PDB file of N, CA and C in Angstrom:
ATOM      1  N   UNK A   1       0.840  -1.183   0.000  1.00  0.00           N
ATOM      2  CA  UNK A   1       0.000   0.000   0.000  1.00  0.00           C
ATOM      3  C   UNK A   1       0.888   1.251   0.000  1.00  0.00           C
ATOM      4  N   UNK A   2       0.594   2.157  -0.899  1.00  0.00           N
ATOM      5  CA  UNK A   2       1.381   3.384  -1.001  1.00  0.00           C
ATOM      6  C   UNK A   2       1.007   4.357   0.111  1.00  0.00           C
ATOM      7  N   UNK A   3       2.008   5.061   0.581  1.00  0.00           N
ATOM      8  CA  UNK A   3       1.819   6.050   1.628  1.00  0.00           C
ATOM      9  C   UNK A   3       1.969   7.436   0.987  1.00  0.00           C
ATOM     10  N   UNK A   4       0.875   8.208   0.892  1.00  0.00           N
ATOM     11  CA  UNK A   4       0.948   9.524   0.227  1.00  0.00           C
ATOM     12  C   UNK A   4       1.969  10.466   0.848  1.00  0.00           C
ATOM     13  N   UNK A   5       2.116  10.456   2.160  1.00  0.00           N
ATOM     14  CA  UNK A   5       3.077  11.353   2.813  1.00  0.00           C
ATOM     15  C   UNK A   5       4.503  10.987   2.407  1.00  0.00           C
ATOM     16  N   UNK A   6       4.802   9.707   2.398  1.00  0.00           N
ATOM     17  CA  UNK A   6       6.139   9.257   2.010  1.00  0.00           C
ATOM     18  C   UNK A   6       6.391   9.607   0.546  1.00  0.00           C
ATOM     19  N   UNK A   7       5.434   9.277  -0.315  1.00  0.00           N
ATOM     20  CA  UNK A   7       5.587   9.545  -1.754  1.00  0.00           C
ATOM     21  C   UNK A   7       5.767  11.035  -2.037  1.00  0.00           C
ATOM     22  N   UNK A   8       4.931  11.866  -1.442  1.00  0.00           N
ATOM     23  CA  UNK A   8       5.004  13.321  -1.665  1.00  0.00           C
ATOM     24  C   UNK A   8       6.296  13.903  -1.108  1.00  0.00           C
ATOM     25  N   UNK A   9       6.751  13.364   0.025  1.00  0.00           N
ATOM     26  CA  UNK A   9       7.986  13.896   0.615  1.00  0.00           C
ATOM     27  C   UNK A   9       9.199  13.584  -0.256  1.00  0.00           C
ATOM     28  N   UNK A  10       9.208  12.428  -0.884  1.00  0.00           N
ATOM     29  CA  UNK A  10      10.301  12.075  -1.800  1.00  0.00           C
ATOM     30  C   UNK A  10      10.259  12.973  -3.028  1.00  0.00           C
ATOM     31  N   UNK A  11       9.075  13.118  -3.595  1.00  0.00           N
ATOM     32  CA  UNK A  11       8.896  13.989  -4.760  1.00  0.00           C
ATOM     33  C   UNK A  11       9.342  15.421  -4.438  1.00  0.00           C
ATOM     34  N   UNK A  12       8.941  15.909  -3.266  1.00  0.00           N
ATOM     35  CA  UNK A  12       9.288  17.258  -2.853  1.00  0.00           C
ATOM     36  C   UNK A  12      10.799  17.399  -2.646  1.00  0.00           C
ATOM     37  N   UNK A  13      11.409  16.427  -1.978  1.00  0.00           N
ATOM     38  CA  UNK A  13      12.851  16.477  -1.727  1.00  0.00           C
ATOM     39  C   UNK A  13      13.635  16.509  -3.034  1.00  0.00           C
ATOM     40  N   UNK A  14      13.188  15.762  -4.014  1.00  0.00           N
ATOM     41  CA  UNK A  14      13.880  15.765  -5.310  1.00  0.00           C
ATOM     42  C   UNK A  14      13.778  17.125  -5.990  1.00  0.00           C
ATOM     43  N   UNK A  15      12.622  17.770  -5.881  1.00  0.00           N
ATOM     44  CA  UNK A  15      12.472  19.124  -6.423  1.00  0.00           C
ATOM     45  C   UNK A  15      13.358  20.122  -5.681  1.00  0.00           C
ATOM     46  N   UNK A  16      13.442  19.971  -4.374  1.00  0.00           N
ATOM     47  CA  UNK A  16      14.303  20.834  -3.562  1.00  0.00           C
ATOM     48  C   UNK A  16      15.760  20.676  -4.000  1.00  0.00           C
ATOM     49  N   UNK A  17      16.186  19.434  -4.172  1.00  0.00           N
ATOM     50  CA  UNK A  17      17.562  19.169  -4.597  1.00  0.00           C
ATOM     51  C   UNK A  17      17.844  19.836  -5.948  1.00  0.00           C
ATOM     52  N   UNK A  18      16.921  19.683  -6.880  1.00  0.00           N
ATOM     53  CA  UNK A  18      17.097  20.293  -8.210  1.00  0.00           C
ATOM     54  C   UNK A  18      17.189  21.816  -8.107  1.00  0.00           C
ATOM     55  N   UNK A  19      16.305  22.411  -7.343  1.00  0.00           N
ATOM     56  CA  UNK A  19      16.315  23.873  -7.216  1.00  0.00           C
ATOM     57  C   UNK A  19      17.584  24.347  -6.505  1.00  0.00           C
ATOM     58  N   UNK A  20      18.022  23.615  -5.494  1.00  0.00           N
ATOM     59  CA  UNK A  20      19.241  23.994  -4.782  1.00  0.00           C
ATOM     60  C   UNK A  20      20.465  23.908  -5.687  1.00  0.00           C
ATOM     61  N   UNK A  21      20.457  22.989  -6.627  1.00  0.00           N
ATOM     62  CA  UNK A  21      21.548  22.930  -7.604  1.00  0.00           C
ATOM     63  C   UNK A  21      21.551  24.187  -8.472  1.00  0.00           C
ATOM     64  N   UNK A  22      20.376  24.668  -8.831  1.00  0.00           N
ATOM     65  CA  UNK A  22      20.270  25.921  -9.580  1.00  0.00           C
ATOM     66  C   UNK A  22      20.794  27.075  -8.727  1.00  0.00           C
ATOM     67  N   UNK A  23      20.402  27.088  -7.459  1.00  0.00           N
ATOM     68  CA  UNK A  23      20.885  28.138  -6.552  1.00  0.00           C
ATOM     69  C   UNK A  23      22.412  28.107  -6.442  1.00  0.00           C
ATOM     70  N   UNK A  24      22.962  26.939  -6.307  1.00  0.00           N
ATOM     71  CA  UNK A  24      24.418  26.820  -6.188  1.00  0.00           C
ATOM     72  C   UNK A  24      25.116  27.283  -7.468  1.00  0.00           C
ATOM     73  N   UNK A  25      24.521  26.996  -8.607  1.00  0.00           N
ATOM     74  CA  UNK A  25      25.097  27.440  -9.880  1.00  0.00           C
ATOM     75  C   UNK A  25      25.087  28.959 -10.009  1.00  0.00           C
ATOM     76  N   UNK A  26      24.192  29.602  -9.263  1.00  0.00           N
ATOM     77  CA  UNK A  26      24.145  31.072  -9.265  1.00  0.00           C
ATOM     78  C   UNK A  26      24.814  31.641  -8.012  1.00  0.00           C
ATOM     79  N   UNK A  27      25.562  30.791  -7.324  1.00  0.00           N
ATOM     80  CA  UNK A  27      26.385  31.168  -6.171  1.00  0.00           C
ATOM     81  C   UNK A  27      25.554  31.629  -4.964  1.00  0.00           C
ATOM     82  N   UNK A  28      24.378  31.078  -4.801  1.00  0.00           N
ATOM     83  CA  UNK A  28      23.529  31.376  -3.643  1.00  0.00           C
ATOM     84  C   UNK A  28      23.700  30.251  -2.610  1.00  0.00           C
ATOM     85  N   UNK A  29      24.933  30.080  -2.152  1.00  0.00           N
ATOM     86  CA  UNK A  29      25.289  28.916  -1.345  1.00  0.00           C
ATOM     87  C   UNK A  29      24.622  28.865   0.027  1.00  0.00           C
ATOM     88  N   UNK A  30      24.541  29.975   0.712  1.00  0.00           N
ATOM     89  CA  UNK A  30      24.013  29.981   2.079  1.00  0.00           C
ATOM     90  C   UNK A  30      22.537  29.592   2.082  1.00  0.00           C
ATOM     91  N   UNK A  31      21.745  30.245   1.260  1.00  0.00           N
ATOM     92  CA  UNK A  31      20.311  29.931   1.195  1.00  0.00           C
ATOM     93  C   UNK A  31      20.097  28.528   0.647  1.00  0.00           C
ATOM     94  N   UNK A  32      20.891  28.157  -0.346  1.00  0.00           N
ATOM     95  CA  UNK A  32      20.785  26.809  -0.903  1.00  0.00           C
ATOM     96  C   UNK A  32      20.998  25.759   0.172  1.00  0.00           C
ATOM     97  N   UNK A  33      22.004  25.953   0.996  1.00  0.00           N
ATOM     98  CA  UNK A  33      22.308  25.003   2.060  1.00  0.00           C
ATOM     99  C   UNK A  33      21.165  24.912   3.066  1.00  0.00           C
ATOM    100  N   UNK A  34      20.632  26.059   3.470  1.00  0.00           N
ATOM    101  CA  UNK A  34      19.527  26.070   4.432  1.00  0.00           C
ATOM    102  C   UNK A  34      18.285  25.387   3.855  1.00  0.00           C
ATOM    103  N   UNK A  35      17.963  25.734   2.616  1.00  0.00           N
ATOM    104  CA  UNK A  35      16.792  25.157   1.957  1.00  0.00           C
ATOM    105  C   UNK A  35      16.958  23.656   1.766  1.00  0.00           C
ATOM    106  N   UNK A  36      18.155  23.249   1.362  1.00  0.00           N
ATOM    107  CA  UNK A  36      18.414  21.824   1.154  1.00  0.00           C
ATOM    108  C   UNK A  36      18.256  21.030   2.446  1.00  0.00           C
ATOM    109  N   UNK A  37      18.798  21.545   3.535  1.00  0.00           N
ATOM    110  CA  UNK A  37      18.696  20.851   4.824  1.00  0.00           C
ATOM    111  C   UNK A  37      17.249  20.742   5.287  1.00  0.00           C
ATOM    112  N   UNK A  38      16.547  21.862   5.281  1.00  0.00           N
ATOM    113  CA  UNK A  38      15.161  21.857   5.769  1.00  0.00           C
ATOM    114  C   UNK A  38      14.253  21.047   4.840  1.00  0.00           C
ATOM    115  N   UNK A  39      14.400  21.264   3.541  1.00  0.00           N
ATOM    116  CA  UNK A  39      13.502  20.625   2.573  1.00  0.00           C
ATOM    117  C   UNK A  39      13.646  19.124   2.481  1.00  0.00           C
ATOM    118  N   UNK A  40      14.860  18.615   2.689  1.00  0.00           N
ATOM    119  CA  UNK A  40      15.038  17.169   2.623  1.00  0.00           C
ATOM    120  C   UNK A  40      14.796  16.490   3.971  1.00  0.00           C
ATOM    121  N   UNK A  41      14.894  17.245   5.055  1.00  0.00           N
ATOM    122  CA  UNK A  41      14.667  16.630   6.365  1.00  0.00           C
ATOM    123  C   UNK A  41      13.192  16.327   6.617  1.00  0.00           C
ATOM    124  N   UNK A  42      12.303  16.971   5.877  1.00  0.00           N
ATOM    125  CA  UNK A  42      10.872  16.669   6.011  1.00  0.00           C
ATOM    126  C   UNK A  42      10.641  15.189   5.748  1.00  0.00           C
ATOM    127  N   UNK A  43      11.128  14.732   4.622  1.00  0.00           N
ATOM    128  CA  UNK A  43      10.965  13.318   4.254  1.00  0.00           C
ATOM    129  C   UNK A  43      11.668  12.383   5.214  1.00  0.00           C
ATOM    130  N   UNK A  44      12.842  12.793   5.702  1.00  0.00           N
ATOM    131  CA  UNK A  44      13.558  11.957   6.666  1.00  0.00           C
ATOM    132  C   UNK A  44      12.715  11.759   7.928  1.00  0.00           C
ATOM    133  N   UNK A  45      12.084  12.825   8.396  1.00  0.00           N
ATOM    134  CA  UNK A  45      11.227  12.725   9.595  1.00  0.00           C
ATOM    135  C   UNK A  45      10.007  11.848   9.323  1.00  0.00           C
ATOM    136  N   UNK A  46       9.429  12.002   8.159  1.00  0.00           N
ATOM    137  CA  UNK A  46       8.265  11.172   7.796  1.00  0.00           C
ATOM    138  C   UNK A  46       8.671   9.705   7.737  1.00  0.00           C
ATOM    139  N   UNK A  47       9.834   9.442   7.168  1.00  0.00           N
ATOM    140  CA  UNK A  47      10.312   8.058   7.108  1.00  0.00           C
ATOM    141  C   UNK A  47      10.574   7.504   8.513  1.00  0.00           C
ATOM    142  N   UNK A  48      11.163   8.305   9.367  1.00  0.00           N
ATOM    143  CA  UNK A  48      11.385   7.872  10.756  1.00  0.00           C
ATOM    144  C   UNK A  48      10.067   7.562  11.447  1.00  0.00           C
ATOM    145  N   UNK A  49       9.059   8.366  11.175  1.00  0.00           N
ATOM    146  CA  UNK A  49       7.756   8.176  11.816  1.00  0.00           C
ATOM    147  C   UNK A  49       7.133   6.827  11.445  1.00  0.00           C
ATOM    148  N   UNK A  50       7.502   6.295  10.298  1.00  0.00           N
ATOM    149  CA  UNK A  50       6.933   5.014   9.865  1.00  0.00           C
ATOM    150  C   UNK A  50       7.332   3.869  10.797  1.00  0.00           C
ATOM    151  N   UNK A  51       8.412   4.065  11.543  1.00  0.00           N
ATOM    152  CA  UNK A  51       8.881   3.053  12.485  1.00  0.00           C
ATOM    153  C   UNK A  51       8.894   3.580  13.913  1.00  0.00           C
ATOM    154  N   UNK A  52       7.941   4.433  14.206  1.00  0.00           N
ATOM    155  CA  UNK A  52       7.859   5.020  15.546  1.00  0.00           C
ATOM    156  C   UNK A  52       7.633   3.942  16.597  1.00  0.00           C
ATOM    157  N   UNK A  53       8.153   4.206  17.786  1.00  0.00           N
ATOM    158  CA  UNK A  53       8.033   3.258  18.883  1.00  0.00           C
ATOM    159  C   UNK A  53       6.665   3.293  19.557  1.00  0.00           C
ATOM    160  N   UNK A  54       5.955   4.407  19.395  1.00  0.00           N
ATOM    161  CA  UNK A  54       4.643   4.564  20.020  1.00  0.00           C
ATOM    162  C   UNK A  54       3.869   5.629  19.250  1.00  0.00           C
ATOM    163  N   UNK A  55       2.614   5.786  19.592  1.00  0.00           N
ATOM    164  CA  UNK A  55       1.798   6.840  18.986  1.00  0.00           C
ATOM    165  C   UNK A  55       2.388   8.208  19.303  1.00  0.00           C
ATOM    166  N   UNK A  56       2.836   8.388  20.548  1.00  0.00           N
ATOM    167  CA  UNK A  56       3.443   9.664  20.947  1.00  0.00           C
ATOM    168  C   UNK A  56       4.716   9.939  20.142  1.00  0.00           C
ATOM    169  N   UNK A  57       5.510   8.912  19.916  1.00  0.00           N
ATOM    170  CA  UNK A  57       6.730   9.059  19.124  1.00  0.00           C
ATOM    171  C   UNK A  57       6.385   9.408  17.682  1.00  0.00           C
ATOM    172  N   UNK A  58       5.360   8.766  17.143  1.00  0.00           N
ATOM    173  CA  UNK A  58       4.897   9.058  15.777  1.00  0.00           C
ATOM    174  C   UNK A  58       4.483  10.524  15.661  1.00  0.00           C
ATOM    175  N   UNK A  59       3.664  10.983  16.601  1.00  0.00           N
ATOM    176  CA  UNK A  59       3.196  12.370  16.598  1.00  0.00           C
ATOM    177  C   UNK A  59       4.379  13.330  16.699  1.00  0.00           C
ATOM    178  N   UNK A  60       5.326  13.012  17.569  1.00  0.00           N
ATOM    179  CA  UNK A  60       6.511  13.859  17.731  1.00  0.00           C
ATOM    180  C   UNK A  60       7.286  13.985  16.414  1.00  0.00           C
ATOM    181  N   UNK A  61       7.481  12.876  15.726  1.00  0.00           N
ATOM    182  CA  UNK A  61       8.234  12.894  14.471  1.00  0.00           C
ATOM    183  C   UNK A  61       7.479  13.659  13.379  1.00  0.00           C
ATOM    184  N   UNK A  62       6.173  13.518  13.343  1.00  0.00           N
ATOM    185  CA  UNK A  62       5.371  14.265  12.357  1.00  0.00           C
ATOM    186  C   UNK A  62       5.396  15.756  12.697  1.00  0.00           C
ATOM    187  N   UNK A  63       5.375  16.093  13.979  1.00  0.00           N
ATOM    188  CA  UNK A  63       5.486  17.506  14.375  1.00  0.00           C
ATOM    189  C   UNK A  63       6.820  18.096  13.909  1.00  0.00           C
ATOM    190  N   UNK A  64       7.885  17.331  14.039  1.00  0.00           N
ATOM    191  CA  UNK A  64       9.188  17.810  13.560  1.00  0.00           C
ATOM    192  C   UNK A  64       9.145  18.006  12.050  1.00  0.00           C
ATOM    193  N   UNK A  65       8.513  17.087  11.339  1.00  0.00           N
ATOM    194  CA  UNK A  65       8.381  17.219   9.878  1.00  0.00           C
ATOM    195  C   UNK A  65       7.628  18.499   9.522  1.00  0.00           C
ATOM    196  N   UNK A  66       6.585  18.826  10.282  1.00  0.00           N
ATOM    197  CA  UNK A  66       5.825  20.052   9.985  1.00  0.00           C
ATOM    198  C   UNK A  66       6.660  21.295  10.290  1.00  0.00           C
ATOM    199  N   UNK A  67       7.481  21.233  11.324  1.00  0.00           N
ATOM    200  CA  UNK A  67       8.367  22.367  11.627  1.00  0.00           C
ATOM    201  C   UNK A  67       9.382  22.566  10.499  1.00  0.00           C
ATOM    202  N   UNK A  68       9.918  21.473  10.007  1.00  0.00           N
ATOM    203  CA  UNK A  68      10.863  21.555   8.889  1.00  0.00           C
ATOM    204  C   UNK A  68      10.162  22.078   7.632  1.00  0.00           C
ATOM    205  N   UNK A  69       8.921  21.689   7.449  1.00  0.00           N
ATOM    206  CA  UNK A  69       8.137  22.186   6.315  1.00  0.00           C
ATOM    207  C   UNK A  69       7.958  23.698   6.412  1.00  0.00           C
ATOM    208  N   UNK A  70       7.637  24.190   7.595  1.00  0.00           N
ATOM    209  CA  UNK A  70       7.453  25.636   7.772  1.00  0.00           C
ATOM    210  C   UNK A  70       8.758  26.390   7.534  1.00  0.00           C
ATOM    211  N   UNK A  71       9.877  25.833   7.978  1.00  0.00           N
ATOM    212  CA  UNK A  71      11.166  26.472   7.701  1.00  0.00           C
ATOM    213  C   UNK A  71      11.439  26.480   6.196  1.00  0.00           C
ATOM    214  N   UNK A  72      11.127  25.376   5.548  1.00  0.00           N
ATOM    215  CA  UNK A  72      11.322  25.282   4.095  1.00  0.00           C
ATOM    216  C   UNK A  72      10.496  26.329   3.374  1.00  0.00           C
ATOM    217  N   UNK A  73       9.251  26.506   3.803  1.00  0.00           N
ATOM    218  CA  UNK A  73       8.386  27.532   3.196  1.00  0.00           C
ATOM    219  C   UNK A  73       9.013  28.915   3.334  1.00  0.00           C
ATOM    220  N   UNK A  74       9.619  29.175   4.469  1.00  0.00           N
ATOM    221  CA  UNK A  74      10.279  30.464   4.709  1.00  0.00           C
ATOM    222  C   UNK A  74      11.387  30.701   3.684  1.00  0.00           C
ATOM    223  N   UNK A  75      12.243  29.714   3.478  1.00  0.00           N
ATOM    224  CA  UNK A  75      13.338  29.864   2.519  1.00  0.00           C
ATOM    225  C   UNK A  75      12.805  30.006   1.096  1.00  0.00           C
ATOM    226  N   UNK A  76      11.744  29.291   0.781  1.00  0.00           N
ATOM    227  CA  UNK A  76      11.137  29.405  -0.554  1.00  0.00           C
ATOM    228  C   UNK A  76      10.590  30.816  -0.768  1.00  0.00           C
ATOM    229  N   UNK A  77       9.934  31.354   0.256  1.00  0.00           N
ATOM    230  CA  UNK A  77       9.404  32.720   0.153  1.00  0.00           C
ATOM    231  C   UNK A  77      10.535  33.717  -0.078  1.00  0.00           C
ATOM    232  N   UNK A  78      11.619  33.581   0.668  1.00  0.00           N
ATOM    233  CA  UNK A  78      12.753  34.485   0.476  1.00  0.00           C
ATOM    234  C   UNK A  78      13.287  34.403  -0.955  1.00  0.00           C
ATOM    235  N   UNK A  79      13.421  33.197  -1.456  1.00  0.00           N
ATOM    236  CA  UNK A  79      13.920  33.026  -2.827  1.00  0.00           C
ATOM    237  C   UNK A  79      12.953  33.644  -3.836  1.00  0.00           C
ATOM    238  N   UNK A  80      11.673  33.399  -3.622  1.00  0.00           N
ATOM    239  CA  UNK A  80      10.668  33.900  -4.558  1.00  0.00           C
ATOM    240  C   UNK A  80      10.599  35.427  -4.550  1.00  0.00           C
ATOM    241  N   UNK A  81      10.747  36.028  -3.383  1.00  0.00           N
ATOM    242  CA  UNK A  81      10.600  37.481  -3.281  1.00  0.00           C
ATOM    243  C   UNK A  81      11.867  38.249  -3.637  1.00  0.00           C
ATOM    244  N   UNK A  82      12.991  37.563  -3.670  1.00  0.00           N
ATOM    245  CA  UNK A  82      14.238  38.232  -4.022  1.00  0.00           C
ATOM    246  C   UNK A  82      14.360  38.334  -5.533  1.00  0.00           C
ATOM    247  N   UNK A  83      14.672  39.522  -5.998  1.00  0.00           N
ATOM    248  CA  UNK A  83      14.823  39.704  -7.442  1.00  0.00           C
ATOM    249  C   UNK A  83      16.134  39.116  -7.946  1.00  0.00           C
ATOM    250  N   UNK A  84      17.000  38.681  -7.055  1.00  0.00           N
ATOM    251  CA  UNK A  84      18.299  38.149  -7.441  1.00  0.00           C
ATOM    252  C   UNK A  84      18.367  36.619  -7.417  1.00  0.00           C
ATOM    253  N   UNK A  85      17.244  35.984  -7.168  1.00  0.00           N
ATOM    254  CA  UNK A  85      17.216  34.522  -7.105  1.00  0.00           C
ATOM    255  C   UNK A  85      16.438  33.944  -8.285  1.00  0.00           C
ATOM    256  N   UNK A  86      16.862  32.768  -8.761  1.00  0.00           N
ATOM    257  CA  UNK A  86      16.156  32.154  -9.897  1.00  0.00           C
ATOM    258  C   UNK A  86      14.728  31.771  -9.522  1.00  0.00           C
ATOM    259  N   UNK A  87      13.842  31.914 -10.467  1.00  0.00           N
ATOM    260  CA  UNK A  87      12.420  31.634 -10.291  1.00  0.00           C
ATOM    261  C   UNK A  87      12.161  30.134 -10.401  1.00  0.00           C
ATOM    262  N   UNK A  88      11.334  29.609  -9.515  1.00  0.00           N
ATOM    263  CA  UNK A  88      10.928  28.198  -9.621  1.00  0.00           C
ATOM    264  C   UNK A  88       9.484  28.082 -10.108  1.00  0.00           C
ATOM    265  N   UNK A  89       8.914  29.197 -10.559  1.00  0.00           N
ATOM    266  CA  UNK A  89       7.540  29.238 -11.084  1.00  0.00           C
ATOM    267  C   UNK A  89       6.500  28.739 -10.089  1.00  0.00           C
ATOM    268  N   UNK A  90       6.740  29.012  -8.817  1.00  0.00           N
ATOM    269  CA  UNK A  90       5.838  28.644  -7.716  1.00  0.00           C
ATOM    270  C   UNK A  90       5.675  27.138  -7.539  1.00  0.00           C
ATOM    271  N   UNK A  91       6.456  26.362  -8.249  1.00  0.00           N
ATOM    272  CA  UNK A  91       6.337  24.907  -8.148  1.00  0.00           C
ATOM    273  C   UNK A  91       6.618  24.418  -6.729  1.00  0.00           C
ATOM    274  N   UNK A  92       7.657  24.922  -6.104  1.00  0.00           N
ATOM    275  CA  UNK A  92       7.990  24.481  -4.745  1.00  0.00           C
ATOM    276  C   UNK A  92       6.923  24.903  -3.748  1.00  0.00           C
ATOM    277  N   UNK A  93       6.389  26.100  -3.903  1.00  0.00           N
ATOM    278  CA  UNK A  93       5.335  26.567  -2.998  1.00  0.00           C
ATOM    279  C   UNK A  93       4.102  25.683  -3.086  1.00  0.00           C
ATOM    280  N   UNK A  94       3.732  25.328  -4.292  1.00  0.00           N
ATOM    281  CA  UNK A  94       2.550  24.471  -4.482  1.00  0.00           C
ATOM    282  C   UNK A  94       2.767  23.088  -3.894  1.00  0.00           C
ATOM    283  N   UNK A  95       3.933  22.530  -4.129  1.00  0.00           N
ATOM    284  CA  UNK A  95       4.240  21.198  -3.593  1.00  0.00           C
ATOM    285  C   UNK A  95       4.341  21.229  -2.068  1.00  0.00           C
ATOM    286  N   UNK A  96       4.878  22.313  -1.524  1.00  0.00           N
ATOM    287  CA  UNK A  96       4.946  22.459  -0.062  1.00  0.00           C
ATOM    288  C   UNK A  96       3.541  22.531   0.521  1.00  0.00           C
ATOM    289  N   UNK A  97       2.666  23.241  -0.163  1.00  0.00           N
ATOM    290  CA  UNK A  97       1.282  23.352   0.301  1.00  0.00           C
ATOM    291  C   UNK A  97       0.608  21.980   0.304  1.00  0.00           C
ATOM    292  N   UNK A  98       0.783  21.212  -0.760  1.00  0.00           N
ATOM    293  CA  UNK A  98       0.201  19.863  -0.851  1.00  0.00           C
ATOM    294  C   UNK A  98       0.717  18.972   0.276  1.00  0.00           C
ATOM    295  N   UNK A  99       2.028  19.000   0.483  1.00  0.00           N
ATOM    296  CA  UNK A  99       2.625  18.179   1.533  1.00  0.00           C
ATOM    297  C   UNK A  99       2.131  18.625   2.905  1.00  0.00           C
ATOM    298  N   UNK A 100       1.997  19.926   3.093  1.00  0.00           N
ATOM    299  CA  UNK A 100       1.491  20.455   4.356  1.00  0.00           C
ATOM    300  C   UNK A 100       0.080  19.982   4.662  1.00  0.00           C
ATOM    301  N   UNK A 101      -0.772  19.974   3.659  1.00  0.00           N
ATOM    302  CA  UNK A 101      -2.149  19.494   3.862  1.00  0.00           C
ATOM    303  C   UNK A 101      -2.152  18.052   4.352  1.00  0.00           C
ATOM    304  N   UNK A 102      -1.296  17.247   3.770  1.00  0.00           N
ATOM    305  CA  UNK A 102      -1.205  15.842   4.178  1.00  0.00           C
ATOM    306  C   UNK A 102      -0.676  15.733   5.607  1.00  0.00           C
ATOM    307  N   UNK A 103       0.416  16.443   5.886  1.00  0.00           N
ATOM    308  CA  UNK A 103       1.033  16.344   7.216  1.00  0.00           C
ATOM    309  C   UNK A 103       0.117  16.850   8.323  1.00  0.00           C
ATOM    310  N   UNK A 104      -0.536  17.995   8.095  1.00  0.00           N
ATOM    311  CA  UNK A 104      -1.408  18.539   9.135  1.00  0.00           C
ATOM    312  C   UNK A 104      -2.638  17.655   9.355  1.00  0.00           C
ATOM    313  N   UNK A 105      -3.099  16.978   8.320  1.00  0.00           N
ATOM    314  CA  UNK A 105      -4.218  16.037   8.471  1.00  0.00           C
ATOM    315  C   UNK A 105      -3.769  14.821   9.284  1.00  0.00           C
ATOM    316  N   UNK A 106      -2.598  14.297   8.962  1.00  0.00           N
ATOM    317  CA  UNK A 106      -2.055  13.165   9.726  1.00  0.00           C
ATOM    318  C   UNK A 106      -1.896  13.555  11.189  1.00  0.00           C
ATOM    319  N   UNK A 107      -1.363  14.730  11.416  1.00  0.00           N
ATOM    320  CA  UNK A 107      -1.132  15.193  12.778  1.00  0.00           C
ATOM    321  C   UNK A 107      -2.435  15.341  13.558  1.00  0.00           C
ATOM    322  N   UNK A 108      -3.410  15.994  12.954  1.00  0.00           N
ATOM    323  CA  UNK A 108      -4.676  16.202  13.671  1.00  0.00           C
ATOM    324  C   UNK A 108      -5.398  14.876  13.922  1.00  0.00           C
ATOM    325  N   UNK A 109      -5.375  13.984  12.940  1.00  0.00           N
ATOM    326  CA  UNK A 109      -6.020  12.681  13.111  1.00  0.00           C
ATOM    327  C   UNK A 109      -5.316  11.865  14.192  1.00  0.00           C
ATOM    328  N   UNK A 110      -3.993  11.908  14.197  1.00  0.00           N
ATOM    329  CA  UNK A 110      -3.227  11.149  15.196  1.00  0.00           C
ATOM    330  C   UNK A 110      -3.465  11.686  16.598  1.00  0.00           C
ATOM    331  N   UNK A 111      -3.516  12.989  16.742  1.00  0.00           N
ATOM    332  CA  UNK A 111      -3.752  13.579  18.071  1.00  0.00           C
ATOM    333  C   UNK A 111      -5.160  13.244  18.544  1.00  0.00           C
ATOM    334  N   UNK A 112      -6.143  13.318  17.659  1.00  0.00           N
ATOM    335  CA  UNK A 112      -7.523  12.968  18.040  1.00  0.00           C
ATOM    336  C   UNK A 112      -7.630  11.512  18.445  1.00  0.00           C
ATOM    337  N   UNK A 113      -6.995  10.613  17.703  1.00  0.00           N
ATOM    338  CA  UNK A 113      -7.097   9.181  18.013  1.00  0.00           C
ATOM    339  C   UNK A 113      -6.362   8.833  19.300  1.00  0.00           C
ATOM    340  N   UNK A 114      -5.350   9.605  19.652  1.00  0.00           N
ATOM    341  CA  UNK A 114      -4.606   9.371  20.892  1.00  0.00           C
ATOM    342  C   UNK A 114      -5.481   9.733  22.092  1.00  0.00           C
ATOM    343  N   UNK A 115      -6.341  10.725  21.937  1.00  0.00           N
ATOM    344  CA  UNK A 115      -7.198  11.182  23.035  1.00  0.00           C
ATOM    345  C   UNK A 115      -8.361  10.220  23.284  1.00  0.00           C
ATOM    346  N   UNK A 116      -8.686   9.416  22.301  1.00  0.00           N
ATOM    347  CA  UNK A 116      -9.834   8.480  22.456  1.00  0.00           C
ATOM    348  C   UNK A 116      -9.433   7.180  23.081  1.00  0.00           C
TER     349      UNK A 116
END
C-alpha cells in the first residue's frame, strides 16, 4: 500500500535538490544550504515516523516534519521574493502546500485518536 506522505515527501525532496543545484550554480550557497537541509529533512522525519516506537513518538516525528516544512516555506518565500534569485515558477510553494495538507491532516487525526 502506497503512503501519500512518504511519496510526496520524496517527490518534494527531489524538487528541492534540483532547485538547490540551480541556486548553487548562481552562487547562492548559504540559502541553498539552508533550503536543502530543511527541505530534505521533512521526508527523513516522515520516514522515521513510519517506524515510531509509540503513537506519541509518531506524533513527535510528524510535528518535527511540519516544523521543517514551515522552515522550508520560509526559505522558498525568500527566494521567490528576491529579485536576485532564480524563479521556480511557484512549483515548490505548491508542492509544499500539498505536503502540508497531508502532514497537518495526519497530525490532527493522530492527536484525536490518541485522546480516544
